[in-house]
């Protein structure tokens, strides 16, 4: 039976439009970090880090040398309302002594995640990211480093007040030395330990530190002179601070003297089982 011609036809239902996308500005800002040369400003060694909306880290994670605190961000996602997670890998820094540049070496098996709280306030979120990360080796990152790195980047920077303040430092590198002078010579040595990253990547080479050996034969004002990276510079400084020397002598008196020390690293593979 056919419907009457006077019957009202049903109107077609218009297609439903997808809901309008909500701009997630904070997530976009986090994603803009992908591909940038980042460093954790506070040199954290942990591979899982959580920060509040002001960029303050949760807990008290251990720290490492800045040459092991790089990060390559590979992905940024919103894991939950009010929280964004950055996923990537840790990056080790190696100094290329031929080209005199710092090179980035991603540690692809060393996964790193950083969770950051956000309050949907883009300016505040950007400020938090700036507290967490440095893009490149910026001046603020340099100033936050230990003295032995600060004096590498800024050799003329003053040292903190100590027993050497105001004393002349004898330059035993001058040649020839007068007959009444002898340079400082090591009497006790401590070898630096390699880092896991340097062993994994078979890093080898020679770095230099400069220091002042005081009248008692103790190393002071130890600074990186020619770096190698991969945390080996920090390990060398830690070891050298435990050295003891026969102090330099001038006119039959011990005097503070400048010393430059070469420290070699040579990867030795483990023996076959």
C-alpha atoms as a PDB file:
ATOM      1  CA  UNK A   1       0.000   0.000   0.000  1.00  0.00           C
ATOM      2  CA  UNK A   2       1.486   3.340  -1.028  1.00  0.00           C
ATOM      3  CA  UNK A   3       1.451   6.410   1.262  1.00  0.00           C
ATOM      4  CA  UNK A   4      -0.913   9.228   0.393  1.00  0.00           C
ATOM      5  CA  UNK A   5       0.487  12.027  -1.736  1.00  0.00           C
ATOM      6  CA  UNK A   6      -0.600  14.486   0.959  1.00  0.00           C
ATOM      7  CA  UNK A   7       1.472  12.740   3.639  1.00  0.00           C
ATOM      8  CA  UNK A   8       4.392  14.861   4.969  1.00  0.00           C
ATOM      9  CA  UNK A   9       7.769  13.468   4.005  1.00  0.00           C
ATOM     10  CA  UNK A  10      10.393  13.178   6.764  1.00  0.00           C
ATOM     11  CA  UNK A  11      13.232  15.661   6.401  1.00  0.00           C
ATOM     12  CA  UNK A  12      16.704  14.113   6.095  1.00  0.00           C
ATOM     13  CA  UNK A  13      18.881  14.509   9.156  1.00  0.00           C
ATOM     14  CA  UNK A  14      21.871  16.755   8.375  1.00  0.00           C
ATOM     15  CA  UNK A  15      25.285  15.090   8.810  1.00  0.00           C
ATOM     16  CA  UNK A  16      26.878  15.589  12.219  1.00  0.00           C
ATOM     17  CA  UNK A  17      30.055  17.704  12.115  1.00  0.00           C
ATOM     18  CA  UNK A  18      33.046  16.478  14.109  1.00  0.00           C
ATOM     19  CA  UNK A  19      33.680  18.490  17.278  1.00  0.00           C
ATOM     20  CA  UNK A  20      36.020  21.408  16.746  1.00  0.00           C
ATOM     21  CA  UNK A  21      39.605  20.622  17.749  1.00  0.00           C
ATOM     22  CA  UNK A  22      40.666  22.260  20.979  1.00  0.00           C
ATOM     23  CA  UNK A  23      43.999  24.059  20.703  1.00  0.00           C
ATOM     24  CA  UNK A  24      46.551  22.575  23.083  1.00  0.00           C
ATOM     25  CA  UNK A  25      49.095  25.368  23.080  1.00  0.00           C
ATOM     26  CA  UNK A  26      51.220  23.889  25.868  1.00  0.00           C
ATOM     27  CA  UNK A  27      51.514  20.580  24.033  1.00  0.00           C
ATOM     28  CA  UNK A  28      52.495  22.419  20.854  1.00  0.00           C
ATOM     29  CA  UNK A  29      55.231  24.209  22.778  1.00  0.00           C
ATOM     30  CA  UNK A  30      56.478  20.895  24.182  1.00  0.00           C
ATOM     31  CA  UNK A  31      56.494  19.394  20.697  1.00  0.00           C
ATOM     32  CA  UNK A  32      58.581  22.331  19.465  1.00  0.00           C
ATOM     33  CA  UNK A  33      61.466  20.913  21.544  1.00  0.00           C
ATOM     34  CA  UNK A  34      61.725  17.903  19.228  1.00  0.00           C
ATOM     35  CA  UNK A  35      64.949  18.109  17.244  1.00  0.00           C
ATOM     36  CA  UNK A  36      66.547  20.814  19.405  1.00  0.00           C
ATOM     37  CA  UNK A  37      69.919  20.443  21.165  1.00  0.00           C
ATOM     38  CA  UNK A  38      68.716  20.273  24.768  1.00  0.00           C
ATOM     39  CA  UNK A  39      70.459  19.919  28.133  1.00  0.00           C
ATOM     40  CA  UNK A  40      68.907  19.314  31.543  1.00  0.00           C
ATOM     41  CA  UNK A  41      69.859  22.510  33.341  1.00  0.00           C
ATOM     42  CA  UNK A  42      70.466  20.821  36.675  1.00  0.00           C
ATOM     43  CA  UNK A  43      72.396  17.906  35.147  1.00  0.00           C
ATOM     44  CA  UNK A  44      70.092  15.185  36.470  1.00  0.00           C
ATOM     45  CA  UNK A  45      71.307  11.591  36.126  1.00  0.00           C
ATOM     46  CA  UNK A  46      67.894   9.936  36.613  1.00  0.00           C
ATOM     47  CA  UNK A  47      66.063   8.761  33.497  1.00  0.00           C
ATOM     48  CA  UNK A  48      62.571   9.399  34.849  1.00  0.00           C
ATOM     49  CA  UNK A  49      61.970  12.963  35.996  1.00  0.00           C
ATOM     50  CA  UNK A  50      58.850  14.800  37.121  1.00  0.00           C
ATOM     51  CA  UNK A  51      58.510  18.582  37.369  1.00  0.00           C
ATOM     52  CA  UNK A  52      55.757  20.811  38.724  1.00  0.00           C
ATOM     53  CA  UNK A  53      54.187  23.676  36.791  1.00  0.00           C
ATOM     54  CA  UNK A  54      56.989  26.012  37.894  1.00  0.00           C
ATOM     55  CA  UNK A  55      59.764  23.744  36.638  1.00  0.00           C
ATOM     56  CA  UNK A  56      60.772  22.375  40.062  1.00  0.00           C
ATOM     57  CA  UNK A  57      61.838  18.746  40.104  1.00  0.00           C
ATOM     58  CA  UNK A  58      60.144  16.193  42.352  1.00  0.00           C
ATOM     59  CA  UNK A  59      62.392  14.521  44.905  1.00  0.00           C
ATOM     60  CA  UNK A  60      66.173  14.832  44.990  1.00  0.00           C
ATOM     61  CA  UNK A  61      67.518  13.063  41.895  1.00  0.00           C
ATOM     62  CA  UNK A  62      71.271  12.563  41.608  1.00  0.00           C
ATOM     63  CA  UNK A  63      73.275  14.720  39.242  1.00  0.00           C
ATOM     64  CA  UNK A  64      75.997  14.041  36.696  1.00  0.00           C
ATOM     65  CA  UNK A  65      78.432  15.983  34.529  1.00  0.00           C
ATOM     66  CA  UNK A  66      76.864  18.316  31.975  1.00  0.00           C
ATOM     67  CA  UNK A  67      78.456  16.251  29.184  1.00  0.00           C
ATOM     68  CA  UNK A  68      76.063  13.429  30.140  1.00  0.00           C
ATOM     69  CA  UNK A  69      72.953  15.561  30.673  1.00  0.00           C
ATOM     70  CA  UNK A  70      71.881  16.151  27.081  1.00  0.00           C
ATOM     71  CA  UNK A  71      68.494  14.996  25.816  1.00  0.00           C
ATOM     72  CA  UNK A  72      67.028  14.374  22.386  1.00  0.00           C
ATOM     73  CA  UNK A  73      63.237  14.698  22.598  1.00  0.00           C
ATOM     74  CA  UNK A  74      61.588  12.222  20.206  1.00  0.00           C
ATOM     75  CA  UNK A  75      57.949  12.586  21.236  1.00  0.00           C
ATOM     76  CA  UNK A  76      55.733  14.850  23.340  1.00  0.00           C
ATOM     77  CA  UNK A  77      52.256  13.746  24.419  1.00  0.00           C
ATOM     78  CA  UNK A  78      49.572  14.755  26.868  1.00  0.00           C
ATOM     79  CA  UNK A  79      49.326  11.801  29.195  1.00  0.00           C
ATOM     80  CA  UNK A  80      46.608  13.265  31.427  1.00  0.00           C
ATOM     81  CA  UNK A  81      44.870  16.580  32.039  1.00  0.00           C
ATOM     82  CA  UNK A  82      47.417  18.961  33.471  1.00  0.00           C
ATOM     83  CA  UNK A  83      50.446  16.826  32.580  1.00  0.00           C
ATOM     84  CA  UNK A  84      52.636  16.533  29.496  1.00  0.00           C
ATOM     85  CA  UNK A  85      55.286  13.877  28.967  1.00  0.00           C
ATOM     86  CA  UNK A  86      58.423  14.263  26.874  1.00  0.00           C
ATOM     87  CA  UNK A  87      60.037  11.043  25.691  1.00  0.00           C
ATOM     88  CA  UNK A  88      63.529  10.734  24.272  1.00  0.00           C
ATOM     89  CA  UNK A  89      67.055   9.503  24.854  1.00  0.00           C
ATOM     90  CA  UNK A  90      69.992  10.742  26.855  1.00  0.00           C
ATOM     91  CA  UNK A  91      72.824  12.354  24.882  1.00  0.00           C
ATOM     92  CA  UNK A  92      76.540  12.237  25.683  1.00  0.00           C
ATOM     93  CA  UNK A  93      78.791  15.091  24.599  1.00  0.00           C
ATOM     94  CA  UNK A  94      82.189  14.388  23.044  1.00  0.00           C
ATOM     95  CA  UNK A  95      84.721  17.132  22.364  1.00  0.00           C
ATOM     96  CA  UNK A  96      86.193  16.899  18.870  1.00  0.00           C
ATOM     97  CA  UNK A  97      89.785  17.980  19.487  1.00  0.00           C
ATOM     98  CA  UNK A  98      90.526  18.318  15.766  1.00  0.00           C
ATOM     99  CA  UNK A  99      87.588  20.591  14.937  1.00  0.00           C
ATOM    100  CA  UNK A 100      87.342  22.145  18.431  1.00  0.00           C
ATOM    101  CA  UNK A 101      83.612  21.582  18.737  1.00  0.00           C
ATOM    102  CA  UNK A 102      81.315  19.688  21.115  1.00  0.00           C
ATOM    103  CA  UNK A 103      79.456  16.868  19.372  1.00  0.00           C
ATOM    104  CA  UNK A 104      76.223  15.159  20.461  1.00  0.00           C
ATOM    105  CA  UNK A 105      76.105  11.353  20.664  1.00  0.00           C
ATOM    106  CA  UNK A 106      72.601   9.968  21.434  1.00  0.00           C
ATOM    107  CA  UNK A 107      72.602   6.989  23.780  1.00  0.00           C
ATOM    108  CA  UNK A 108      69.816   5.111  22.032  1.00  0.00           C
ATOM    109  CA  UNK A 109      69.461   2.474  24.762  1.00  0.00           C
ATOM    110  CA  UNK A 110      69.293   5.136  27.479  1.00  0.00           C
ATOM    111  CA  UNK A 111      65.619   6.150  27.420  1.00  0.00           C
ATOM    112  CA  UNK A 112      64.680   9.370  29.189  1.00  0.00           C
ATOM    113  CA  UNK A 113      61.201  10.644  30.128  1.00  0.00           C
ATOM    114  CA  UNK A 114      60.343  14.055  31.540  1.00  0.00           C
ATOM    115  CA  UNK A 115      56.848  14.792  32.853  1.00  0.00           C
ATOM    116  CA  UNK A 116      55.871  18.430  33.298  1.00  0.00           C
ATOM    117  CA  UNK A 117      52.707  19.725  34.959  1.00  0.00           C
ATOM    118  CA  UNK A 118      50.915  22.484  33.092  1.00  0.00           C
ATOM    119  CA  UNK A 119      48.125  24.833  34.136  1.00  0.00           C
ATOM    120  CA  UNK A 120      46.937  25.798  30.645  1.00  0.00           C
ATOM    121  CA  UNK A 121      48.876  29.042  30.822  1.00  0.00           C
ATOM    122  CA  UNK A 122      51.304  29.074  27.875  1.00  0.00           C
ATOM    123  CA  UNK A 123      53.625  31.764  29.217  1.00  0.00           C
ATOM    124  CA  UNK A 124      53.967  29.972  32.551  1.00  0.00           C
ATOM    125  CA  UNK A 125      54.530  26.629  30.778  1.00  0.00           C
ATOM    126  CA  UNK A 126      57.233  28.135  28.569  1.00  0.00           C
ATOM    127  CA  UNK A 127      58.911  29.572  31.666  1.00  0.00           C
ATOM    128  CA  UNK A 128      58.863  26.114  33.283  1.00  0.00           C
ATOM    129  CA  UNK A 129      60.411  24.514  30.191  1.00  0.00           C
ATOM    130  CA  UNK A 130      63.127  27.188  30.183  1.00  0.00           C
ATOM    131  CA  UNK A 131      63.976  26.276  33.788  1.00  0.00           C
ATOM    132  CA  UNK A 132      64.182  22.584  32.915  1.00  0.00           C
ATOM    133  CA  UNK A 133      66.051  22.754  29.608  1.00  0.00           C
ATOM    134  CA  UNK A 134      68.840  24.746  28.043  1.00  0.00           C
ATOM    135  CA  UNK A 135      68.984  24.897  24.260  1.00  0.00           C
ATOM    136  CA  UNK A 136      72.681  24.568  23.579  1.00  0.00           C
ATOM    137  CA  UNK A 137      75.458  25.577  25.976  1.00  0.00           C
ATOM    138  CA  UNK A 138      74.056  28.965  26.905  1.00  0.00           C
ATOM    139  CA  UNK A 139      75.716  31.375  29.395  1.00  0.00           C
ATOM    140  CA  UNK A 140      73.307  30.441  32.203  1.00  0.00           C
ATOM    141  CA  UNK A 141      74.188  26.767  31.785  1.00  0.00           C
ATOM    142  CA  UNK A 142      77.904  27.612  31.887  1.00  0.00           C
ATOM    143  CA  UNK A 143      77.535  29.657  35.085  1.00  0.00           C
ATOM    144  CA  UNK A 144      75.746  26.776  36.820  1.00  0.00           C
ATOM    145  CA  UNK A 145      78.581  24.330  36.143  1.00  0.00           C
ATOM    146  CA  UNK A 146      81.255  23.424  38.720  1.00  0.00           C
ATOM    147  CA  UNK A 147      84.278  25.723  38.897  1.00  0.00           C
ATOM    148  CA  UNK A 148      86.449  23.438  36.798  1.00  0.00           C
ATOM    149  CA  UNK A 149      84.055  23.920  33.859  1.00  0.00           C
ATOM    150  CA  UNK A 150      83.305  27.592  34.540  1.00  0.00           C
ATOM    151  CA  UNK A 151      87.017  28.309  34.163  1.00  0.00           C
ATOM    152  CA  UNK A 152      87.161  26.356  30.929  1.00  0.00           C
ATOM    153  CA  UNK A 153      84.500  28.556  29.337  1.00  0.00           C
ATOM    154  CA  UNK A 154      85.675  31.740  31.106  1.00  0.00           C
ATOM    155  CA  UNK A 155      89.389  31.409  31.953  1.00  0.00           C
ATOM    156  CA  UNK A 156      89.523  34.925  33.425  1.00  0.00           C
ATOM    157  CA  UNK A 157      86.727  34.223  35.927  1.00  0.00           C
ATOM    158  CA  UNK A 158      87.851  34.838  39.528  1.00  0.00           C
ATOM    159  CA  UNK A 159      88.271  31.873  41.847  1.00  0.00           C
ATOM    160  CA  UNK A 160      86.561  31.922  45.247  1.00  0.00           C
ATOM    161  CA  UNK A 161      88.638  33.425  48.047  1.00  0.00           C
ATOM    162  CA  UNK A 162      91.060  30.852  49.457  1.00  0.00           C
ATOM    163  CA  UNK A 163      94.628  30.474  50.745  1.00  0.00           C
ATOM    164  CA  UNK A 164      95.998  31.259  47.270  1.00  0.00           C
ATOM    165  CA  UNK A 165      94.220  34.598  47.032  1.00  0.00           C
ATOM    166  CA  UNK A 166      96.728  37.384  46.490  1.00  0.00           C
ATOM    167  CA  UNK A 167      99.739  35.072  46.181  1.00  0.00           C
ATOM    168  CA  UNK A 168     101.929  35.082  43.062  1.00  0.00           C
ATOM    169  CA  UNK A 169     101.720  31.819  41.141  1.00  0.00           C
ATOM    170  CA  UNK A 170     105.085  30.618  39.857  1.00  0.00           C
ATOM    171  CA  UNK A 171     105.097  29.739  36.166  1.00  0.00           C
ATOM    172  CA  UNK A 172     107.243  26.624  35.879  1.00  0.00           C
ATOM    173  CA  UNK A 173     106.455  26.401  32.159  1.00  0.00           C
ATOM    174  CA  UNK A 174     108.934  29.217  31.536  1.00  0.00           C
ATOM    175  CA  UNK A 175     112.194  27.998  30.037  1.00  0.00           C
ATOM    176  CA  UNK A 176     114.882  27.748  31.035  1.00  0.00           C
ATOM    177  CA  UNK A 177     114.196  27.501  34.754  1.00  0.00           C
ATOM    178  CA  UNK A 178     116.715  29.246  36.984  1.00  0.00           C
ATOM    179  CA  UNK A 179     119.106  26.959  38.796  1.00  0.00           C
ATOM    180  CA  UNK A 180     117.431  27.783  42.107  1.00  0.00           C
ATOM    181  CA  UNK A 181     113.999  26.538  40.940  1.00  0.00           C
ATOM    182  CA  UNK A 182     112.376  23.117  40.515  1.00  0.00           C
ATOM    183  CA  UNK A 183     108.857  22.347  39.235  1.00  0.00           C
ATOM    184  CA  UNK A 184     106.193  20.491  41.209  1.00  0.00           C
ATOM    185  CA  UNK A 185     106.286  16.712  40.749  1.00  0.00           C
ATOM    186  CA  UNK A 186     103.614  14.127  41.620  1.00  0.00           C
ATOM    187  CA  UNK A 187     104.209  11.814  44.580  1.00  0.00           C
ATOM    188  CA  UNK A 188     100.739  10.219  44.853  1.00  0.00           C
ATOM    189  CA  UNK A 189      98.434   9.525  41.898  1.00  0.00           C
ATOM    190  CA  UNK A 190      94.814   8.397  41.662  1.00  0.00           C
ATOM    191  CA  UNK A 191      93.550   7.065  38.340  1.00  0.00           C
ATOM    192  CA  UNK A 192      90.124   8.277  37.151  1.00  0.00           C
ATOM    193  CA  UNK A 193      87.401   5.718  36.522  1.00  0.00           C
ATOM    194  CA  UNK A 194      85.707   5.569  33.112  1.00  0.00           C
ATOM    195  CA  UNK A 195      81.972   6.222  32.832  1.00  0.00           C
ATOM    196  CA  UNK A 196      79.491   3.629  31.601  1.00  0.00           C
ATOM    197  CA  UNK A 197      78.784   5.770  28.555  1.00  0.00           C
ATOM    198  CA  UNK A 198      82.464   6.114  27.649  1.00  0.00           C
ATOM    199  CA  UNK A 199      82.949   2.349  27.899  1.00  0.00           C
ATOM    200  CA  UNK A 200      79.844   1.678  25.835  1.00  0.00           C
ATOM    201  CA  UNK A 201      80.981   4.014  23.033  1.00  0.00           C
ATOM    202  CA  UNK A 202      84.688   3.006  23.284  1.00  0.00           C
ATOM    203  CA  UNK A 203      85.813   6.582  23.945  1.00  0.00           C
ATOM    204  CA  UNK A 204      89.554   7.110  24.038  1.00  0.00           C
ATOM    205  CA  UNK A 205      91.842  10.109  23.875  1.00  0.00           C
ATOM    206  CA  UNK A 206      93.738  12.555  26.053  1.00  0.00           C
ATOM    207  CA  UNK A 207      92.398  15.447  28.103  1.00  0.00           C
ATOM    208  CA  UNK A 208      94.281  18.146  29.972  1.00  0.00           C
ATOM    209  CA  UNK A 209      93.654  19.836  33.279  1.00  0.00           C
ATOM    210  CA  UNK A 210      95.456  22.861  34.677  1.00  0.00           C
ATOM    211  CA  UNK A 211      95.871  23.528  38.365  1.00  0.00           C
ATOM    212  CA  UNK A 212      97.928  25.308  40.978  1.00  0.00           C
ATOM    213  CA  UNK A 213      99.959  23.129  43.343  1.00  0.00           C
ATOM    214  CA  UNK A 214     100.266  24.980  46.644  1.00  0.00           C
ATOM    215  CA  UNK A 215     103.234  25.102  49.032  1.00  0.00           C
ATOM    216  CA  UNK A 216     102.051  21.895  50.741  1.00  0.00           C
ATOM    217  CA  UNK A 217     101.805  19.998  47.461  1.00  0.00           C
ATOM    218  CA  UNK A 218      97.996  19.981  47.269  1.00  0.00           C
ATOM    219  CA  UNK A 219      96.244  20.685  43.934  1.00  0.00           C
ATOM    220  CA  UNK A 220      94.069  23.808  43.943  1.00  0.00           C
ATOM    221  CA  UNK A 221      92.106  25.693  41.289  1.00  0.00           C
ATOM    222  CA  UNK A 222      91.784  22.567  39.148  1.00  0.00           C
ATOM    223  CA  UNK A 223      90.198  23.369  35.771  1.00  0.00           C
ATOM    224  CA  UNK A 224      89.570  21.627  32.467  1.00  0.00           C
ATOM    225  CA  UNK A 225      92.099  22.823  29.894  1.00  0.00           C
ATOM    226  CA  UNK A 226      91.415  20.477  26.947  1.00  0.00           C
ATOM    227  CA  UNK A 227      88.200  18.450  27.361  1.00  0.00           C
ATOM    228  CA  UNK A 228      87.223  15.027  26.103  1.00  0.00           C
ATOM    229  CA  UNK A 229      83.587  14.726  27.264  1.00  0.00           C
ATOM    230  CA  UNK A 230      81.448  11.705  28.209  1.00  0.00           C
ATOM    231  CA  UNK A 231      81.842  12.586  31.900  1.00  0.00           C
ATOM    232  CA  UNK A 232      85.563  11.749  31.788  1.00  0.00           C
ATOM    233  CA  UNK A 233      86.588  15.341  32.516  1.00  0.00           C
ATOM    234  CA  UNK A 234      84.656  15.304  35.793  1.00  0.00           C
ATOM    235  CA  UNK A 235      86.118  11.910  36.734  1.00  0.00           C
ATOM    236  CA  UNK A 236      89.630  13.222  36.028  1.00  0.00           C
ATOM    237  CA  UNK A 237      89.140  16.343  38.153  1.00  0.00           C
ATOM    238  CA  UNK A 238      87.780  14.220  41.020  1.00  0.00           C
ATOM    239  CA  UNK A 239      90.868  11.993  40.819  1.00  0.00           C
ATOM    240  CA  UNK A 240      93.387  14.826  40.448  1.00  0.00           C
ATOM    241  CA  UNK A 241      92.082  16.564  43.564  1.00  0.00           C
ATOM    242  CA  UNK A 242      93.330  13.506  45.476  1.00  0.00           C
ATOM    243  CA  UNK A 243      96.853  13.731  44.047  1.00  0.00           C
ATOM    244  CA  UNK A 244      99.728  14.957  46.163  1.00  0.00           C
ATOM    245  CA  UNK A 245     102.865  16.631  44.846  1.00  0.00           C
ATOM    246  CA  UNK A 246     106.311  17.564  45.888  1.00  0.00           C
ATOM    247  CA  UNK A 247     105.832  21.335  45.674  1.00  0.00           C
ATOM    248  CA  UNK A 248     107.746  23.611  43.364  1.00  0.00           C
ATOM    249  CA  UNK A 249     110.762  25.350  44.887  1.00  0.00           C
ATOM    250  CA  UNK A 250     112.158  28.764  44.146  1.00  0.00           C
ATOM    251  CA  UNK A 251     115.105  30.244  46.026  1.00  0.00           C
ATOM    252  CA  UNK A 252     115.020  27.215  48.353  1.00  0.00           C
ATOM    253  CA  UNK A 253     111.388  27.863  49.382  1.00  0.00           C
ATOM    254  CA  UNK A 254     108.238  25.987  48.336  1.00  0.00           C
ATOM    255  CA  UNK A 255     105.988  28.186  46.200  1.00  0.00           C
ATOM    256  CA  UNK A 256     102.552  27.831  44.545  1.00  0.00           C
ATOM    257  CA  UNK A 257     103.104  26.815  40.936  1.00  0.00           C
ATOM    258  CA  UNK A 258     100.991  26.245  37.848  1.00  0.00           C
ATOM    259  CA  UNK A 259     100.829  22.706  36.453  1.00  0.00           C
ATOM    260  CA  UNK A 260      99.272  21.241  33.312  1.00  0.00           C
ATOM    261  CA  UNK A 261      98.487  17.517  33.451  1.00  0.00           C
ATOM    262  CA  UNK A 262      97.679  15.152  30.574  1.00  0.00           C
ATOM    263  CA  UNK A 263      95.282  12.305  31.301  1.00  0.00           C
ATOM    264  CA  UNK A 264      94.860   9.566  28.716  1.00  0.00           C
ATOM    265  CA  UNK A 265      91.874   7.251  28.260  1.00  0.00           C
ATOM    266  CA  UNK A 266      92.168   4.109  26.166  1.00  0.00           C
ATOM    267  CA  UNK A 267      89.250   1.709  25.838  1.00  0.00           C
ATOM    268  CA  UNK A 268      90.278  -1.849  26.662  1.00  0.00           C
ATOM    269  CA  UNK A 269      87.688  -4.469  25.621  1.00  0.00           C
ATOM    270  CA  UNK A 270      86.861  -7.101  28.248  1.00  0.00           C
ATOM    271  CA  UNK A 271      88.556 -10.486  27.852  1.00  0.00           C
ATOM    272  CA  UNK A 272      86.640 -13.154  25.973  1.00  0.00           C
ATOM    273  CA  UNK A 273      85.026 -15.737  28.277  1.00  0.00           C
END
